[in-house]
Amino acid sequence: MSTNSTDNRATKQLKKQVSEQAQEIGKLRGRISNLQDELAIVTSEMNNFKTRVAADMKKVVTSLNEVGQKNR
């Protein structure tokens, strides 16, 4: 076997490997982008949840204070 045919075979194999890796990297980049979007949504929902819970707790405390004052 000549060195050129071995080099050509190795080059083809490496080109195929690089192509496959490029496709996989593209898929991973897409997945990372989706995860970033999902994280932003979850963060926003969590902040809204915290705000609603705080408002509900304020109402509970206010109601308890009013009941306590009426019972005095």
PDB file of N, CA and C in Angstrom:
ATOM      1  N   MET A   1       0.834  -1.175   0.000  1.00  0.00           N
ATOM      2  CA  MET A   1       0.000   0.000   0.000  1.00  0.00           C
ATOM      3  C   MET A   1       0.882   1.242   0.000  1.00  0.00           C
ATOM      4  N   SER A   2       0.494   2.202  -0.790  1.00  0.00           N
ATOM      5  CA  SER A   2       1.306   3.412  -0.861  1.00  0.00           C
ATOM      6  C   SER A   2       0.874   4.388   0.228  1.00  0.00           C
ATOM      7  N   THR A   3       1.750   5.285   0.493  1.00  0.00           N
ATOM      8  CA  THR A   3       1.487   6.280   1.520  1.00  0.00           C
ATOM      9  C   THR A   3       0.330   7.180   1.115  1.00  0.00           C
ATOM     10  N   ASN A   4       0.218   7.484  -0.181  1.00  0.00           N
ATOM     11  CA  ASN A   4      -0.858   8.365  -0.658  1.00  0.00           C
ATOM     12  C   ASN A   4      -2.230   7.759  -0.431  1.00  0.00           C
ATOM     13  N   SER A   5      -2.390   6.478  -0.705  1.00  0.00           N
ATOM     14  CA  SER A   5      -3.712   5.862  -0.523  1.00  0.00           C
ATOM     15  C   SER A   5      -4.067   5.789   0.963  1.00  0.00           C
ATOM     16  N   THR A   6      -3.074   5.559   1.808  1.00  0.00           N
ATOM     17  CA  THR A   6      -3.317   5.547   3.256  1.00  0.00           C
ATOM     18  C   THR A   6      -3.679   6.943   3.728  1.00  0.00           C
ATOM     19  N   ASP A   7      -2.962   7.942   3.215  1.00  0.00           N
ATOM     20  CA  ASP A   7      -3.258   9.327   3.566  1.00  0.00           C
ATOM     21  C   ASP A   7      -4.662   9.722   3.098  1.00  0.00           C
ATOM     22  N   ASN A   8      -5.010   9.305   1.872  1.00  0.00           N
ATOM     23  CA  ASN A   8      -6.327   9.629   1.327  1.00  0.00           C
ATOM     24  C   ASN A   8      -7.429   8.982   2.170  1.00  0.00           C
ATOM     25  N   ARG A   9      -7.221   7.734   2.553  1.00  0.00           N
ATOM     26  CA  ARG A   9      -8.204   7.027   3.367  1.00  0.00           C
ATOM     27  C   ARG A   9      -8.339   7.714   4.734  1.00  0.00           C
ATOM     28  N   ALA A  10      -7.224   8.059   5.316  1.00  0.00           N
ATOM     29  CA  ALA A  10      -7.234   8.738   6.615  1.00  0.00           C
ATOM     30  C   ALA A  10      -7.899  10.111   6.495  1.00  0.00           C
ATOM     31  N   THR A  11      -7.619  10.814   5.416  1.00  0.00           N
ATOM     32  CA  THR A  11      -8.223  12.128   5.191  1.00  0.00           C
ATOM     33  C   THR A  11      -9.735  12.014   5.040  1.00  0.00           C
ATOM     34  N   LYS A  12     -10.189  11.024   4.267  1.00  0.00           N
ATOM     35  CA  LYS A  12     -11.629  10.819   4.094  1.00  0.00           C
ATOM     36  C   LYS A  12     -12.292  10.488   5.429  1.00  0.00           C
ATOM     37  N   GLN A  13     -11.639   9.646   6.196  1.00  0.00           N
ATOM     38  CA  GLN A  13     -12.182   9.259   7.489  1.00  0.00           C
ATOM     39  C   GLN A  13     -12.263  10.469   8.420  1.00  0.00           C
ATOM     40  N   LEU A  14     -11.222  11.270   8.422  1.00  0.00           N
ATOM     41  CA  LEU A  14     -11.221  12.468   9.270  1.00  0.00           C
ATOM     42  C   LEU A  14     -12.275  13.479   8.822  1.00  0.00           C
ATOM     43  N   LYS A  15     -12.444  13.630   7.506  1.00  0.00           N
ATOM     44  CA  LYS A  15     -13.463  14.546   6.990  1.00  0.00           C
ATOM     45  C   LYS A  15     -14.851  14.070   7.393  1.00  0.00           C
ATOM     46  N   LYS A  16     -15.072  12.765   7.321  1.00  0.00           N
ATOM     47  CA  LYS A  16     -16.358  12.198   7.731  1.00  0.00           C
ATOM     48  C   LYS A  16     -16.580  12.448   9.222  1.00  0.00           C
ATOM     49  N   GLN A  17     -15.545  12.228  10.011  1.00  0.00           N
ATOM     50  CA  GLN A  17     -15.646  12.430  11.450  1.00  0.00           C
ATOM     51  C   GLN A  17     -15.938  13.901  11.776  1.00  0.00           C
ATOM     52  N   VAL A  18     -15.254  14.807  11.098  1.00  0.00           N
ATOM     53  CA  VAL A  18     -15.475  16.242  11.312  1.00  0.00           C
ATOM     54  C   VAL A  18     -16.907  16.612  10.931  1.00  0.00           C
ATOM     55  N   SER A  19     -17.398  16.063   9.840  1.00  0.00           N
ATOM     56  CA  SER A  19     -18.770  16.332   9.406  1.00  0.00           C
ATOM     57  C   SER A  19     -19.773  15.833  10.435  1.00  0.00           C
ATOM     58  N   GLU A  20     -19.579  14.631  10.936  1.00  0.00           N
ATOM     59  CA  GLU A  20     -20.476  14.071  11.953  1.00  0.00           C
ATOM     60  C   GLU A  20     -20.434  14.901  13.233  1.00  0.00           C
ATOM     61  N   GLN A  21     -19.246  15.315  13.610  1.00  0.00           N
ATOM     62  CA  GLN A  21     -19.106  16.134  14.812  1.00  0.00           C
ATOM     63  C   GLN A  21     -19.767  17.499  14.628  1.00  0.00           C
ATOM     64  N   ALA A  22     -19.663  18.053  13.437  1.00  0.00           N
ATOM     65  CA  ALA A  22     -20.306  19.340  13.159  1.00  0.00           C
ATOM     66  C   ALA A  22     -21.820  19.212  13.279  1.00  0.00           C
ATOM     67  N   GLN A  23     -22.374  18.119  12.782  1.00  0.00           N
ATOM     68  CA  GLN A  23     -23.819  17.883  12.906  1.00  0.00           C
ATOM     69  C   GLN A  23     -24.217  17.741  14.374  1.00  0.00           C
ATOM     70  N   GLU A  24     -23.442  16.984  15.114  1.00  0.00           N
ATOM     71  CA  GLU A  24     -23.731  16.784  16.537  1.00  0.00           C
ATOM     72  C   GLU A  24     -23.621  18.098  17.306  1.00  0.00           C
ATOM     73  N   ILE A  25     -22.626  18.899  16.985  1.00  0.00           N
ATOM     74  CA  ILE A  25     -22.467  20.206  17.632  1.00  0.00           C
ATOM     75  C   ILE A  25     -23.666  21.092  17.312  1.00  0.00           C
ATOM     76  N   GLY A  26     -24.143  21.039  16.091  1.00  0.00           N
ATOM     77  CA  GLY A  26     -25.334  21.802  15.714  1.00  0.00           C
ATOM     78  C   GLY A  26     -26.546  21.392  16.529  1.00  0.00           C
ATOM     79  N   LYS A  27     -26.733  20.086  16.699  1.00  0.00           N
ATOM     80  CA  LYS A  27     -27.849  19.587  17.508  1.00  0.00           C
ATOM     81  C   LYS A  27     -27.708  20.046  18.954  1.00  0.00           C
ATOM     82  N   LEU A  28     -26.501  19.970  19.484  1.00  0.00           N
ATOM     83  CA  LEU A  28     -26.262  20.371  20.876  1.00  0.00           C
ATOM     84  C   LEU A  28     -26.493  21.868  21.066  1.00  0.00           C
ATOM     85  N   ARG A  29     -26.085  22.665  20.091  1.00  0.00           N
ATOM     86  CA  ARG A  29     -26.322  24.111  20.178  1.00  0.00           C
ATOM     87  C   ARG A  29     -27.818  24.406  20.195  1.00  0.00           C
ATOM     88  N   GLY A  30     -28.564  23.690  19.362  1.00  0.00           N
ATOM     89  CA  GLY A  30     -30.013  23.855  19.344  1.00  0.00           C
ATOM     90  C   GLY A  30     -30.620  23.479  20.680  1.00  0.00           C
ATOM     91  N   ARG A  31     -30.159  22.383  21.249  1.00  0.00           N
ATOM     92  CA  ARG A  31     -30.681  21.935  22.546  1.00  0.00           C
ATOM     93  C   ARG A  31     -30.347  22.942  23.646  1.00  0.00           C
ATOM     94  N   ILE A  32     -29.130  23.475  23.619  1.00  0.00           N
ATOM     95  CA  ILE A  32     -28.726  24.487  24.602  1.00  0.00           C
ATOM     96  C   ILE A  32     -29.614  25.719  24.470  1.00  0.00           C
ATOM     97  N   SER A  33     -29.897  26.116  23.255  1.00  0.00           N
ATOM     98  CA  SER A  33     -30.755  27.273  23.026  1.00  0.00           C
ATOM     99  C   SER A  33     -32.152  27.021  23.603  1.00  0.00           C
ATOM    100  N   ASN A  34     -32.688  25.820  23.367  1.00  0.00           N
ATOM    101  CA  ASN A  34     -34.003  25.475  23.924  1.00  0.00           C
ATOM    102  C   ASN A  34     -33.977  25.490  25.442  1.00  0.00           C
ATOM    103  N   LEU A  35     -32.923  24.954  26.022  1.00  0.00           N
ATOM    104  CA  LEU A  35     -32.809  24.930  27.479  1.00  0.00           C
ATOM    105  C   LEU A  35     -32.712  26.340  28.052  1.00  0.00           C
ATOM    106  N   GLN A  36     -32.005  27.223  27.364  1.00  0.00           N
ATOM    107  CA  GLN A  36     -31.919  28.614  27.816  1.00  0.00           C
ATOM    108  C   GLN A  36     -33.300  29.264  27.799  1.00  0.00           C
ATOM    109  N   ASP A  37     -34.072  28.998  26.746  1.00  0.00           N
ATOM    110  CA  ASP A  37     -35.420  29.550  26.653  1.00  0.00           C
ATOM    111  C   ASP A  37     -36.298  29.004  27.782  1.00  0.00           C
ATOM    112  N   GLU A  38     -36.211  27.698  28.005  1.00  0.00           N
ATOM    113  CA  GLU A  38     -37.006  27.078  29.061  1.00  0.00           C
ATOM    114  C   GLU A  38     -36.615  27.624  30.437  1.00  0.00           C
ATOM    115  N   LEU A  39     -35.332  27.831  30.657  1.00  0.00           N
ATOM    116  CA  LEU A  39     -34.861  28.377  31.929  1.00  0.00           C
ATOM    117  C   LEU A  39     -35.407  29.788  32.139  1.00  0.00           C
ATOM    118  N   ALA A  40     -35.419  30.578  31.100  1.00  0.00           N
ATOM    119  CA  ALA A  40     -35.950  31.943  31.204  1.00  0.00           C
ATOM    120  C   ALA A  40     -37.439  31.909  31.555  1.00  0.00           C
ATOM    121  N   ILE A  41     -38.173  30.983  30.959  1.00  0.00           N
ATOM    122  CA  ILE A  41     -39.607  30.854  31.245  1.00  0.00           C
ATOM    123  C   ILE A  41     -39.822  30.417  32.688  1.00  0.00           C
ATOM    124  N   VAL A  42     -39.073  29.406  33.124  1.00  0.00           N
ATOM    125  CA  VAL A  42     -39.215  28.907  34.495  1.00  0.00           C
ATOM    126  C   VAL A  42     -38.853  29.996  35.502  1.00  0.00           C
ATOM    127  N   THR A  43     -37.808  30.744  35.223  1.00  0.00           N
ATOM    128  CA  THR A  43     -37.402  31.837  36.114  1.00  0.00           C
ATOM    129  C   THR A  43     -38.507  32.882  36.215  1.00  0.00           C
ATOM    130  N   SER A  44     -39.089  33.230  35.096  1.00  0.00           N
ATOM    131  CA  SER A  44     -40.179  34.202  35.083  1.00  0.00           C
ATOM    132  C   SER A  44     -41.388  33.671  35.851  1.00  0.00           C
ATOM    133  N   GLU A  45     -41.741  32.419  35.630  1.00  0.00           N
ATOM    134  CA  GLU A  45     -42.873  31.822  36.341  1.00  0.00           C
ATOM    135  C   GLU A  45     -42.603  31.755  37.842  1.00  0.00           C
ATOM    136  N   MET A  46     -41.377  31.452  38.216  1.00  0.00           N
ATOM    137  CA  MET A  46     -41.015  31.386  39.630  1.00  0.00           C
ATOM    138  C   MET A  46     -41.135  32.762  40.279  1.00  0.00           C
ATOM    139  N   ASN A  47     -40.685  33.782  39.587  1.00  0.00           N
ATOM    140  CA  ASN A  47     -40.801  35.147  40.120  1.00  0.00           C
ATOM    141  C   ASN A  47     -42.266  35.549  40.279  1.00  0.00           C
ATOM    142  N   ASN A  48     -43.100  35.198  39.293  1.00  0.00           N
ATOM    143  CA  ASN A  48     -44.529  35.489  39.395  1.00  0.00           C
ATOM    144  C   ASN A  48     -45.149  34.725  40.568  1.00  0.00           C
ATOM    145  N   PHE A  49     -44.759  33.488  40.736  1.00  0.00           N
ATOM    146  CA  PHE A  49     -45.257  32.673  41.841  1.00  0.00           C
ATOM    147  C   PHE A  49     -44.887  33.295  43.183  1.00  0.00           C
ATOM    148  N   LYS A  50     -43.637  33.716  43.315  1.00  0.00           N
ATOM    149  CA  LYS A  50     -43.185  34.355  44.562  1.00  0.00           C
ATOM    150  C   LYS A  50     -44.007  35.609  44.862  1.00  0.00           C
ATOM    151  N   THR A  51     -44.258  36.399  43.839  1.00  0.00           N
ATOM    152  CA  THR A  51     -45.025  37.631  44.009  1.00  0.00           C
ATOM    153  C   THR A  51     -46.448  37.311  44.465  1.00  0.00           C
ATOM    154  N   ARG A  52     -47.067  36.312  43.826  1.00  0.00           N
ATOM    155  CA  ARG A  52     -48.438  35.939  44.205  1.00  0.00           C
ATOM    156  C   ARG A  52     -48.499  35.369  45.618  1.00  0.00           C
ATOM    157  N   VAL A  53     -47.526  34.548  45.994  1.00  0.00           N
ATOM    158  CA  VAL A  53     -47.495  33.982  47.344  1.00  0.00           C
ATOM    159  C   VAL A  53     -47.312  35.094  48.370  1.00  0.00           C
ATOM    160  N   ALA A  54     -46.432  36.034  48.097  1.00  0.00           N
ATOM    161  CA  ALA A  54     -46.218  37.153  49.020  1.00  0.00           C
ATOM    162  C   ALA A  54     -47.504  37.954  49.193  1.00  0.00           C
ATOM    163  N   ALA A  55     -48.217  38.210  48.103  1.00  0.00           N
ATOM    164  CA  ALA A  55     -49.482  38.952  48.186  1.00  0.00           C
ATOM    165  C   ALA A  55     -50.509  38.160  48.988  1.00  0.00           C
ATOM    166  N   ASP A  56     -50.580  36.848  48.758  1.00  0.00           N
ATOM    167  CA  ASP A  56     -51.524  36.010  49.511  1.00  0.00           C
ATOM    168  C   ASP A  56     -51.181  35.994  50.999  1.00  0.00           C
ATOM    169  N   MET A  57     -49.915  35.894  51.308  1.00  0.00           N
ATOM    170  CA  MET A  57     -49.504  35.871  52.718  1.00  0.00           C
ATOM    171  C   MET A  57     -49.812  37.206  53.396  1.00  0.00           C
ATOM    172  N   LYS A  58     -49.661  38.289  52.665  1.00  0.00           N
ATOM    173  CA  LYS A  58     -49.981  39.606  53.219  1.00  0.00           C
ATOM    174  C   LYS A  58     -51.469  39.673  53.557  1.00  0.00           C
ATOM    175  N   LYS A  59     -52.313  39.133  52.670  1.00  0.00           N
ATOM    176  CA  LYS A  59     -53.759  39.104  52.928  1.00  0.00           C
ATOM    177  C   LYS A  59     -54.072  38.254  54.156  1.00  0.00           C
ATOM    178  N   VAL A  60     -53.410  37.117  54.290  1.00  0.00           N
ATOM    179  CA  VAL A  60     -53.640  36.235  55.439  1.00  0.00           C
ATOM    180  C   VAL A  60     -53.268  36.947  56.733  1.00  0.00           C
ATOM    181  N   VAL A  61     -52.099  37.568  56.744  1.00  0.00           N
ATOM    182  CA  VAL A  61     -51.635  38.264  57.946  1.00  0.00           C
ATOM    183  C   VAL A  61     -52.580  39.422  58.283  1.00  0.00           C
ATOM    184  N   THR A  62     -52.987  40.160  57.275  1.00  0.00           N
ATOM    185  CA  THR A  62     -53.919  41.268  57.496  1.00  0.00           C
ATOM    186  C   THR A  62     -55.243  40.753  58.070  1.00  0.00           C
ATOM    187  N   SER A  63     -55.746  39.678  57.505  1.00  0.00           N
ATOM    188  CA  SER A  63     -57.000  39.091  57.997  1.00  0.00           C
ATOM    189  C   SER A  63     -56.858  38.611  59.436  1.00  0.00           C
ATOM    190  N   LEU A  64     -55.757  37.957  59.747  1.00  0.00           N
ATOM    191  CA  LEU A  64     -55.529  37.482  61.115  1.00  0.00           C
ATOM    192  C   LEU A  64     -55.425  38.646  62.097  1.00  0.00           C
ATOM    193  N   ASN A  65     -54.767  39.716  61.691  1.00  0.00           N
ATOM    194  CA  ASN A  65     -54.657  40.906  62.545  1.00  0.00           C
ATOM    195  C   ASN A  65     -56.030  41.522  62.796  1.00  0.00           C
ATOM    196  N   GLU A  66     -56.868  41.569  61.752  1.00  0.00           N
ATOM    197  CA  GLU A  66     -58.211  42.131  61.893  1.00  0.00           C
ATOM    198  C   GLU A  66     -59.055  41.276  62.840  1.00  0.00           C
ATOM    199  N   VAL A  67     -58.964  39.963  62.704  1.00  0.00           N
ATOM    200  CA  VAL A  67     -59.705  39.057  63.578  1.00  0.00           C
ATOM    201  C   VAL A  67     -59.216  39.203  65.011  1.00  0.00           C
ATOM    202  N   GLY A  68     -57.924  39.313  65.190  1.00  0.00           N
ATOM    203  CA  GLY A  68     -57.344  39.490  66.510  1.00  0.00           C
ATOM    204  C   GLY A  68     -57.801  40.771  67.177  1.00  0.00           C
ATOM    205  N   GLN A  69     -57.911  41.842  66.419  1.00  0.00           N
ATOM    206  CA  GLN A  69     -58.345  43.124  66.960  1.00  0.00           C
ATOM    207  C   GLN A  69     -59.828  43.109  67.333  1.00  0.00           C
ATOM    208  N   LYS A  70     -60.628  42.376  66.570  1.00  0.00           N
ATOM    209  CA  LYS A  70     -62.064  42.282  66.863  1.00  0.00           C
ATOM    210  C   LYS A  70     -62.309  41.477  68.134  1.00  0.00           C
ATOM    211  N   ASN A  71     -61.459  40.527  68.417  1.00  0.00           N
ATOM    212  CA  ASN A  71     -61.639  39.670  69.579  1.00  0.00           C
ATOM    213  C   ASN A  71     -61.119  40.294  70.862  1.00  0.00           C
ATOM    214  N   ARG A  72     -60.573  41.470  70.824  1.00  0.00           N
ATOM    215  CA  ARG A  72     -60.045  42.140  72.031  1.00  0.00           C
ATOM    216  C   ARG A  72     -61.127  42.797  72.821  1.00  0.00           C
TER     217      ARG A  72
END
